[in-house]
Amino acid sequence: IFCAMSLHHIENLEQILYEIKNALKDEGL
């Protein structure tokens, strides 16, 4: 999962980081 100059535009950081971690495969980056 890539965030290229986009994550600093996200207000709901806690939720999106939860979603990102949840969406990655076990060895995902």
PDB file of all heavy atoms in Angstrom:
ATOM      1  N   ILE A   1       0.865  -1.188   0.000  1.00  0.00           N
ATOM      2  CA  ILE A   1       0.000   0.000   0.000  1.00  0.00           C
ATOM      3  C   ILE A   1       0.900   1.236   0.000  1.00  0.00           C
ATOM      4  O   ILE A   1       1.797   1.364   0.835  1.00  0.00           O
ATOM      5  CB  ILE A   1      -0.941   0.020   1.210  1.00  0.00           C
ATOM      6  CG1 ILE A   1      -1.896  -1.185   1.153  1.00  0.00           C
ATOM      7  CG2 ILE A   1      -1.734   1.330   1.265  1.00  0.00           C
ATOM      8  CD1 ILE A   1      -2.823  -1.303   2.349  1.00  0.00           C
ATOM      9  N   PHE A   2       0.644   2.123  -0.970  1.00  0.00           N
ATOM     10  CA  PHE A   2       1.426   3.357  -1.112  1.00  0.00           C
ATOM     11  C   PHE A   2       0.599   4.576  -0.696  1.00  0.00           C
ATOM     12  O   PHE A   2      -0.582   4.687  -1.036  1.00  0.00           O
ATOM     13  CB  PHE A   2       1.848   3.566  -2.569  1.00  0.00           C
ATOM     14  CG  PHE A   2       2.836   2.562  -3.086  1.00  0.00           C
ATOM     15  CD1 PHE A   2       2.417   1.512  -3.889  1.00  0.00           C
ATOM     16  CD2 PHE A   2       4.188   2.680  -2.789  1.00  0.00           C
ATOM     17  CE1 PHE A   2       3.323   0.591  -4.383  1.00  0.00           C
ATOM     18  CE2 PHE A   2       5.103   1.761  -3.280  1.00  0.00           C
ATOM     19  CZ  PHE A   2       4.681   0.714  -4.077  1.00  0.00           C
ATOM     20  N   CYS A   3       1.242   5.476   0.027  1.00  0.00           N
ATOM     21  CA  CYS A   3       0.725   6.828   0.237  1.00  0.00           C
ATOM     22  C   CYS A   3       1.832   7.781  -0.189  1.00  0.00           C
ATOM     23  O   CYS A   3       2.850   7.908   0.507  1.00  0.00           O
ATOM     24  CB  CYS A   3       0.350   7.070   1.691  1.00  0.00           C
ATOM     25  SG  CYS A   3      -1.146   6.222   2.230  1.00  0.00           S
ATOM     26  N   ALA A   4       1.673   8.420  -1.328  1.00  0.00           N
ATOM     27  CA  ALA A   4       2.698   9.321  -1.859  1.00  0.00           C
ATOM     28  C   ALA A   4       2.176  10.753  -1.783  1.00  0.00           C
ATOM     29  O   ALA A   4       1.363  11.168  -2.599  1.00  0.00           O
ATOM     30  CB  ALA A   4       3.050   8.938  -3.296  1.00  0.00           C
ATOM     31  N   MET A   5       2.621  11.480  -0.777  1.00  0.00           N
ATOM     32  CA  MET A   5       2.185  12.855  -0.534  1.00  0.00           C
ATOM     33  C   MET A   5       0.661  12.959  -0.412  1.00  0.00           C
ATOM     34  O   MET A   5       0.046  13.894  -0.907  1.00  0.00           O
ATOM     35  CB  MET A   5       2.701  13.790  -1.640  1.00  0.00           C
ATOM     36  CG  MET A   5       4.195  13.976  -1.607  1.00  0.00           C
ATOM     37  SD  MET A   5       4.714  14.735  -0.044  1.00  0.00           S
ATOM     38  CE  MET A   5       6.486  14.384  -0.083  1.00  0.00           C
ATOM     39  N   SER A   6       0.088  11.980   0.251  1.00  0.00           N
ATOM     40  CA  SER A   6      -1.364  11.975   0.436  1.00  0.00           C
ATOM     41  C   SER A   6      -1.767  11.803   1.896  1.00  0.00           C
ATOM     42  O   SER A   6      -2.797  12.333   2.328  1.00  0.00           O
ATOM     43  CB  SER A   6      -1.996  10.852  -0.392  1.00  0.00           C
ATOM     44  OG  SER A   6      -1.475   9.588  -0.018  1.00  0.00           O
ATOM     45  N   LEU A   7      -0.957  11.096   2.677  1.00  0.00           N
ATOM     46  CA  LEU A   7      -1.346  10.804   4.059  1.00  0.00           C
ATOM     47  C   LEU A   7      -1.435  12.076   4.894  1.00  0.00           C
ATOM     48  O   LEU A   7      -2.237  12.152   5.836  1.00  0.00           O
ATOM     49  CB  LEU A   7      -0.335   9.827   4.671  1.00  0.00           C
ATOM     50  CG  LEU A   7      -0.784   9.046   5.908  1.00  0.00           C
ATOM     51  CD1 LEU A   7      -2.006   8.204   5.606  1.00  0.00           C
ATOM     52  CD2 LEU A   7       0.352   8.173   6.426  1.00  0.00           C
ATOM     53  N   HIS A   8      -0.637  13.096   4.556  1.00  0.00           N
ATOM     54  CA  HIS A   8      -0.690  14.335   5.333  1.00  0.00           C
ATOM     55  C   HIS A   8      -1.953  15.151   5.023  1.00  0.00           C
ATOM     56  O   HIS A   8      -2.165  16.203   5.628  1.00  0.00           O
ATOM     57  CB  HIS A   8       0.574  15.178   5.147  1.00  0.00           C
ATOM     58  CG  HIS A   8       0.729  15.803   3.803  1.00  0.00           C
ATOM     59  ND1 HIS A   8       1.250  15.141   2.725  1.00  0.00           N
ATOM     60  CD2 HIS A   8       0.438  17.057   3.359  1.00  0.00           C
ATOM     61  CE1 HIS A   8       1.291  15.949   1.681  1.00  0.00           C
ATOM     62  NE2 HIS A   8       0.793  17.128   2.032  1.00  0.00           N
ATOM     63  N   HIS A   9      -2.779  14.651   4.108  1.00  0.00           N
ATOM     64  CA  HIS A   9      -4.078  15.272   3.843  1.00  0.00           C
ATOM     65  C   HIS A   9      -5.223  14.554   4.575  1.00  0.00           C
ATOM     66  O   HIS A   9      -6.381  14.938   4.409  1.00  0.00           O
ATOM     67  CB  HIS A   9      -4.370  15.263   2.336  1.00  0.00           C
ATOM     68  CG  HIS A   9      -3.500  16.186   1.556  1.00  0.00           C
ATOM     69  ND1 HIS A   9      -3.767  17.533   1.413  1.00  0.00           N
ATOM     70  CD2 HIS A   9      -2.349  15.970   0.879  1.00  0.00           C
ATOM     71  CE1 HIS A   9      -2.820  18.096   0.683  1.00  0.00           C
ATOM     72  NE2 HIS A   9      -1.942  17.169   0.349  1.00  0.00           N
ATOM     73  N   ILE A  10      -4.897  13.540   5.346  1.00  0.00           N
ATOM     74  CA  ILE A  10      -5.918  12.730   6.017  1.00  0.00           C
ATOM     75  C   ILE A  10      -6.083  13.171   7.467  1.00  0.00           C
ATOM     76  O   ILE A  10      -5.130  13.150   8.256  1.00  0.00           O
ATOM     77  CB  ILE A  10      -5.546  11.232   5.965  1.00  0.00           C
ATOM     78  CG1 ILE A  10      -5.348  10.779   4.513  1.00  0.00           C
ATOM     79  CG2 ILE A  10      -6.619  10.398   6.657  1.00  0.00           C
ATOM     80  CD1 ILE A  10      -6.541  10.980   3.627  1.00  0.00           C
ATOM     81  N   GLU A  11      -7.283  13.568   7.822  1.00  0.00           N
ATOM     82  CA  GLU A  11      -7.566  13.968   9.204  1.00  0.00           C
ATOM     83  C   GLU A  11      -7.799  12.763  10.099  1.00  0.00           C
ATOM     84  O   GLU A  11      -7.358  12.709  11.243  1.00  0.00           O
ATOM     85  CB  GLU A  11      -8.782  14.898   9.245  1.00  0.00           C
ATOM     86  CG  GLU A  11      -9.084  15.434  10.627  1.00  0.00           C
ATOM     87  CD  GLU A  11     -10.130  16.522  10.611  1.00  0.00           C
ATOM     88  OE1 GLU A  11     -10.781  16.716   9.571  1.00  0.00           O
ATOM     89  OE2 GLU A  11     -10.288  17.195  11.652  1.00  0.00           O
ATOM     90  N   ASN A  12      -8.481  11.751   9.567  1.00  0.00           N
ATOM     91  CA  ASN A  12      -8.843  10.564  10.346  1.00  0.00           C
ATOM     92  C   ASN A  12      -7.703   9.538  10.295  1.00  0.00           C
ATOM     93  O   ASN A  12      -7.876   8.409   9.840  1.00  0.00           O
ATOM     94  CB  ASN A  12     -10.134   9.964   9.777  1.00  0.00           C
ATOM     95  CG  ASN A  12     -10.785   8.986  10.728  1.00  0.00           C
ATOM     96  OD1 ASN A  12     -10.344   8.807  11.854  1.00  0.00           O
ATOM     97  ND2 ASN A  12     -11.833   8.337  10.260  1.00  0.00           N
ATOM     98  N   LEU A  13      -6.528   9.939  10.782  1.00  0.00           N
ATOM     99  CA  LEU A  13      -5.331   9.115  10.654  1.00  0.00           C
ATOM    100  C   LEU A  13      -5.450   7.779  11.383  1.00  0.00           C
ATOM    101  O   LEU A  13      -5.042   6.741  10.853  1.00  0.00           O
ATOM    102  CB  LEU A  13      -4.121   9.876  11.192  1.00  0.00           C
ATOM    103  CG  LEU A  13      -3.443  10.862  10.243  1.00  0.00           C
ATOM    104  CD1 LEU A  13      -2.352  11.629  10.985  1.00  0.00           C
ATOM    105  CD2 LEU A  13      -2.862  10.141   9.033  1.00  0.00           C
ATOM    106  N   GLU A  14      -5.969   7.805  12.598  1.00  0.00           N
ATOM    107  CA  GLU A  14      -6.071   6.557  13.360  1.00  0.00           C
ATOM    108  C   GLU A  14      -6.878   5.507  12.601  1.00  0.00           C
ATOM    109  O   GLU A  14      -6.486   4.337  12.501  1.00  0.00           O
ATOM    110  CB  GLU A  14      -6.702   6.808  14.737  1.00  0.00           C
ATOM    111  CG  GLU A  14      -5.828   7.564  15.706  1.00  0.00           C
ATOM    112  CD  GLU A  14      -5.887   9.075  15.530  1.00  0.00           C
ATOM    113  OE1 GLU A  14      -6.590   9.540  14.613  1.00  0.00           O
ATOM    114  OE2 GLU A  14      -5.247   9.789  16.318  1.00  0.00           O
ATOM    115  N   GLN A  15      -8.003   5.928  12.025  1.00  0.00           N
ATOM    116  CA  GLN A  15      -8.862   4.985  11.316  1.00  0.00           C
ATOM    117  C   GLN A  15      -8.211   4.478  10.030  1.00  0.00           C
ATOM    118  O   GLN A  15      -8.250   3.282   9.735  1.00  0.00           O
ATOM    119  CB  GLN A  15     -10.207   5.644  10.990  1.00  0.00           C
ATOM    120  CG  GLN A  15     -11.179   4.768  10.214  1.00  0.00           C
ATOM    121  CD  GLN A  15     -11.578   3.498  10.951  1.00  0.00           C
ATOM    122  OE1 GLN A  15     -11.536   3.462  12.183  1.00  0.00           O
ATOM    123  NE2 GLN A  15     -11.948   2.453  10.212  1.00  0.00           N
ATOM    124  N   ILE A  16      -7.608   5.369   9.258  1.00  0.00           N
ATOM    125  CA  ILE A  16      -7.020   4.927   7.989  1.00  0.00           C
ATOM    126  C   ILE A  16      -5.813   4.036   8.229  1.00  0.00           C
ATOM    127  O   ILE A  16      -5.586   3.064   7.487  1.00  0.00           O
ATOM    128  CB  ILE A  16      -6.667   6.122   7.074  1.00  0.00           C
ATOM    129  CG1 ILE A  16      -6.293   5.618   5.671  1.00  0.00           C
ATOM    130  CG2 ILE A  16      -5.536   6.950   7.643  1.00  0.00           C
ATOM    131  CD1 ILE A  16      -7.319   4.772   4.992  1.00  0.00           C
ATOM    132  N   LEU A  17      -5.028   4.309   9.284  1.00  0.00           N
ATOM    133  CA  LEU A  17      -3.906   3.423   9.585  1.00  0.00           C
ATOM    134  C   LEU A  17      -4.398   2.049  10.035  1.00  0.00           C
ATOM    135  O   LEU A  17      -3.774   1.019   9.727  1.00  0.00           O
ATOM    136  CB  LEU A  17      -3.005   4.050  10.647  1.00  0.00           C
ATOM    137  CG  LEU A  17      -2.222   5.281  10.189  1.00  0.00           C
ATOM    138  CD1 LEU A  17      -1.442   5.889  11.356  1.00  0.00           C
ATOM    139  CD2 LEU A  17      -1.273   4.944   9.047  1.00  0.00           C
ATOM    140  N   TYR A  18      -5.514   2.028  10.731  1.00  0.00           N
ATOM    141  CA  TYR A  18      -6.133   0.736  11.088  1.00  0.00           C
ATOM    142  C   TYR A  18      -6.543  -0.015   9.826  1.00  0.00           C
ATOM    143  O   TYR A  18      -6.283  -1.222   9.682  1.00  0.00           O
ATOM    144  CB  TYR A  18      -7.355   0.967  11.978  1.00  0.00           C
ATOM    145  CG  TYR A  18      -8.202  -0.277  12.154  1.00  0.00           C
ATOM    146  CD1 TYR A  18      -7.863  -1.258  13.090  1.00  0.00           C
ATOM    147  CD2 TYR A  18      -9.333  -0.489  11.352  1.00  0.00           C
ATOM    148  CE1 TYR A  18      -8.628  -2.410  13.229  1.00  0.00           C
ATOM    149  CE2 TYR A  18     -10.102  -1.636  11.485  1.00  0.00           C
ATOM    150  CZ  TYR A  18      -9.737  -2.590  12.417  1.00  0.00           C
ATOM    151  OH  TYR A  18     -10.499  -3.741  12.543  1.00  0.00           O
ATOM    152  N   GLU A  19      -7.180   0.685   8.905  1.00  0.00           N
ATOM    153  CA  GLU A  19      -7.629   0.051   7.668  1.00  0.00           C
ATOM    154  C   GLU A  19      -6.446  -0.456   6.843  1.00  0.00           C
ATOM    155  O   GLU A  19      -6.492  -1.547   6.255  1.00  0.00           O
ATOM    156  CB  GLU A  19      -8.451   1.041   6.833  1.00  0.00           C
ATOM    157  CG  GLU A  19      -9.811   1.378   7.411  1.00  0.00           C
ATOM    158  CD  GLU A  19     -10.762   0.184   7.431  1.00  0.00           C
ATOM    159  OE1 GLU A  19     -10.627  -0.702   6.566  1.00  0.00           O
ATOM    160  OE2 GLU A  19     -11.636   0.142   8.310  1.00  0.00           O
ATOM    161  N   ILE A  20      -5.378   0.334   6.786  1.00  0.00           N
ATOM    162  CA  ILE A  20      -4.191  -0.060   6.025  1.00  0.00           C
ATOM    163  C   ILE A  20      -3.570  -1.324   6.617  1.00  0.00           C
ATOM    164  O   ILE A  20      -3.262  -2.279   5.894  1.00  0.00           O
ATOM    165  CB  ILE A  20      -3.165   1.092   5.991  1.00  0.00           C
ATOM    166  CG1 ILE A  20      -3.678   2.215   5.072  1.00  0.00           C
ATOM    167  CG2 ILE A  20      -1.792   0.602   5.535  1.00  0.00           C
ATOM    168  CD1 ILE A  20      -2.884   3.496   5.165  1.00  0.00           C
ATOM    169  N   LYS A  21      -3.382  -1.330   7.924  1.00  0.00           N
ATOM    170  CA  LYS A  21      -2.794  -2.514   8.566  1.00  0.00           C
ATOM    171  C   LYS A  21      -3.677  -3.737   8.359  1.00  0.00           C
ATOM    172  O   LYS A  21      -3.181  -4.841   8.093  1.00  0.00           O
ATOM    173  CB  LYS A  21      -2.594  -2.244  10.061  1.00  0.00           C
ATOM    174  CG  LYS A  21      -1.827  -3.351  10.775  1.00  0.00           C
ATOM    175  CD  LYS A  21      -1.485  -2.961  12.194  1.00  0.00           C
ATOM    176  CE  LYS A  21      -0.651  -4.048  12.862  1.00  0.00           C
ATOM    177  NZ  LYS A  21      -0.277  -3.675  14.255  1.00  0.00           N
ATOM    178  N   ASN A  22      -4.966  -3.549   8.459  1.00  0.00           N
ATOM    179  CA  ASN A  22      -5.920  -4.648   8.286  1.00  0.00           C
ATOM    180  C   ASN A  22      -5.917  -5.171   6.857  1.00  0.00           C
ATOM    181  O   ASN A  22      -6.131  -6.365   6.614  1.00  0.00           O
ATOM    182  CB  ASN A  22      -7.328  -4.158   8.654  1.00  0.00           C
ATOM    183  CG  ASN A  22      -8.333  -5.276   8.743  1.00  0.00           C
ATOM    184  OD1 ASN A  22      -8.140  -6.249   9.467  1.00  0.00           O
ATOM    185  ND2 ASN A  22      -9.426  -5.153   8.010  1.00  0.00           N
ATOM    186  N   ALA A  23      -5.677  -4.289   5.888  1.00  0.00           N
ATOM    187  CA  ALA A  23      -5.777  -4.656   4.473  1.00  0.00           C
ATOM    188  C   ALA A  23      -4.502  -5.287   3.915  1.00  0.00           C
ATOM    189  O   ALA A  23      -4.528  -5.897   2.840  1.00  0.00           O
ATOM    190  CB  ALA A  23      -6.129  -3.421   3.639  1.00  0.00           C
ATOM    191  N   LEU A  24      -3.388  -5.164   4.638  1.00  0.00           N
ATOM    192  CA  LEU A  24      -2.143  -5.742   4.165  1.00  0.00           C
ATOM    193  C   LEU A  24      -2.088  -7.247   4.427  1.00  0.00           C
ATOM    194  O   LEU A  24      -2.529  -7.722   5.473  1.00  0.00           O
ATOM    195  CB  LEU A  24      -0.948  -5.081   4.855  1.00  0.00           C
ATOM    196  CG  LEU A  24      -0.570  -3.678   4.382  1.00  0.00           C
ATOM    197  CD1 LEU A  24       0.464  -3.061   5.334  1.00  0.00           C
ATOM    198  CD2 LEU A  24      -0.014  -3.709   2.956  1.00  0.00           C
ATOM    199  N   LYS A  25      -1.536  -7.972   3.467  1.00  0.00           N
ATOM    200  CA  LYS A  25      -1.254  -9.390   3.689  1.00  0.00           C
ATOM    201  C   LYS A  25      -0.174  -9.517   4.767  1.00  0.00           C
ATOM    202  O   LYS A  25       0.490  -8.544   5.117  1.00  0.00           O
ATOM    203  CB  LYS A  25      -0.806 -10.039   2.384  1.00  0.00           C
ATOM    204  CG  LYS A  25      -1.881 -10.051   1.303  1.00  0.00           C
ATOM    205  CD  LYS A  25      -1.369 -10.660   0.007  1.00  0.00           C
ATOM    206  CE  LYS A  25      -2.429 -10.612  -1.085  1.00  0.00           C
ATOM    207  NZ  LYS A  25      -1.946 -11.159  -2.375  1.00  0.00           N
ATOM    208  N   ASP A  26       0.042 -10.702   5.284  1.00  0.00           N
ATOM    209  CA  ASP A  26       0.957 -10.892   6.417  1.00  0.00           C
ATOM    210  C   ASP A  26       2.360 -10.357   6.148  1.00  0.00           C
ATOM    211  O   ASP A  26       3.006  -9.821   7.046  1.00  0.00           O
ATOM    212  CB  ASP A  26       1.028 -12.382   6.781  1.00  0.00           C
ATOM    213  CG  ASP A  26      -0.263 -12.881   7.409  1.00  0.00           C
ATOM    214  OD1 ASP A  26      -1.022 -12.042   7.928  1.00  0.00           O
ATOM    215  OD2 ASP A  26      -0.515 -14.101   7.387  1.00  0.00           O
ATOM    216  N   GLU A  27       2.850 -10.481   4.944  1.00  0.00           N
ATOM    217  CA  GLU A  27       4.182  -9.980   4.601  1.00  0.00           C
ATOM    218  C   GLU A  27       4.095  -8.693   3.761  1.00  0.00           C
ATOM    219  O   GLU A  27       5.060  -8.321   3.084  1.00  0.00           O
ATOM    220  CB  GLU A  27       4.964 -11.043   3.829  1.00  0.00           C
ATOM    221  CG  GLU A  27       5.182 -12.336   4.596  1.00  0.00           C
ATOM    222  CD  GLU A  27       5.949 -12.124   5.893  1.00  0.00           C
ATOM    223  OE1 GLU A  27       6.915 -11.336   5.860  1.00  0.00           O
ATOM    224  OE2 GLU A  27       5.576 -12.720   6.911  1.00  0.00           O
ATOM    225  N   GLY A  28       2.953  -8.036   3.829  1.00  0.00           N
ATOM    226  CA  GLY A  28       2.738  -6.843   3.020  1.00  0.00           C
ATOM    227  C   GLY A  28       3.553  -5.646   3.491  1.00  0.00           C
ATOM    228  O   GLY A  28       3.982  -5.583   4.643  1.00  0.00           O
ATOM    229  N   LEU A  29       3.727  -4.682   2.597  1.00  0.00           N
ATOM    230  CA  LEU A  29       4.505  -3.481   2.881  1.00  0.00           C
ATOM    231  C   LEU A  29       3.629  -2.237   2.828  1.00  0.00           C
ATOM    232  O   LEU A  29       2.779  -2.105   1.946  1.00  0.00           O
ATOM    233  CB  LEU A  29       5.630  -3.324   1.855  1.00  0.00           C
ATOM    234  CG  LEU A  29       6.711  -4.405   1.827  1.00  0.00           C
ATOM    235  CD1 LEU A  29       7.643  -4.165   0.640  1.00  0.00           C
ATOM    236  CD2 LEU A  29       7.504  -4.428   3.121  1.00  0.00           C
TER     237      LEU A  29
END
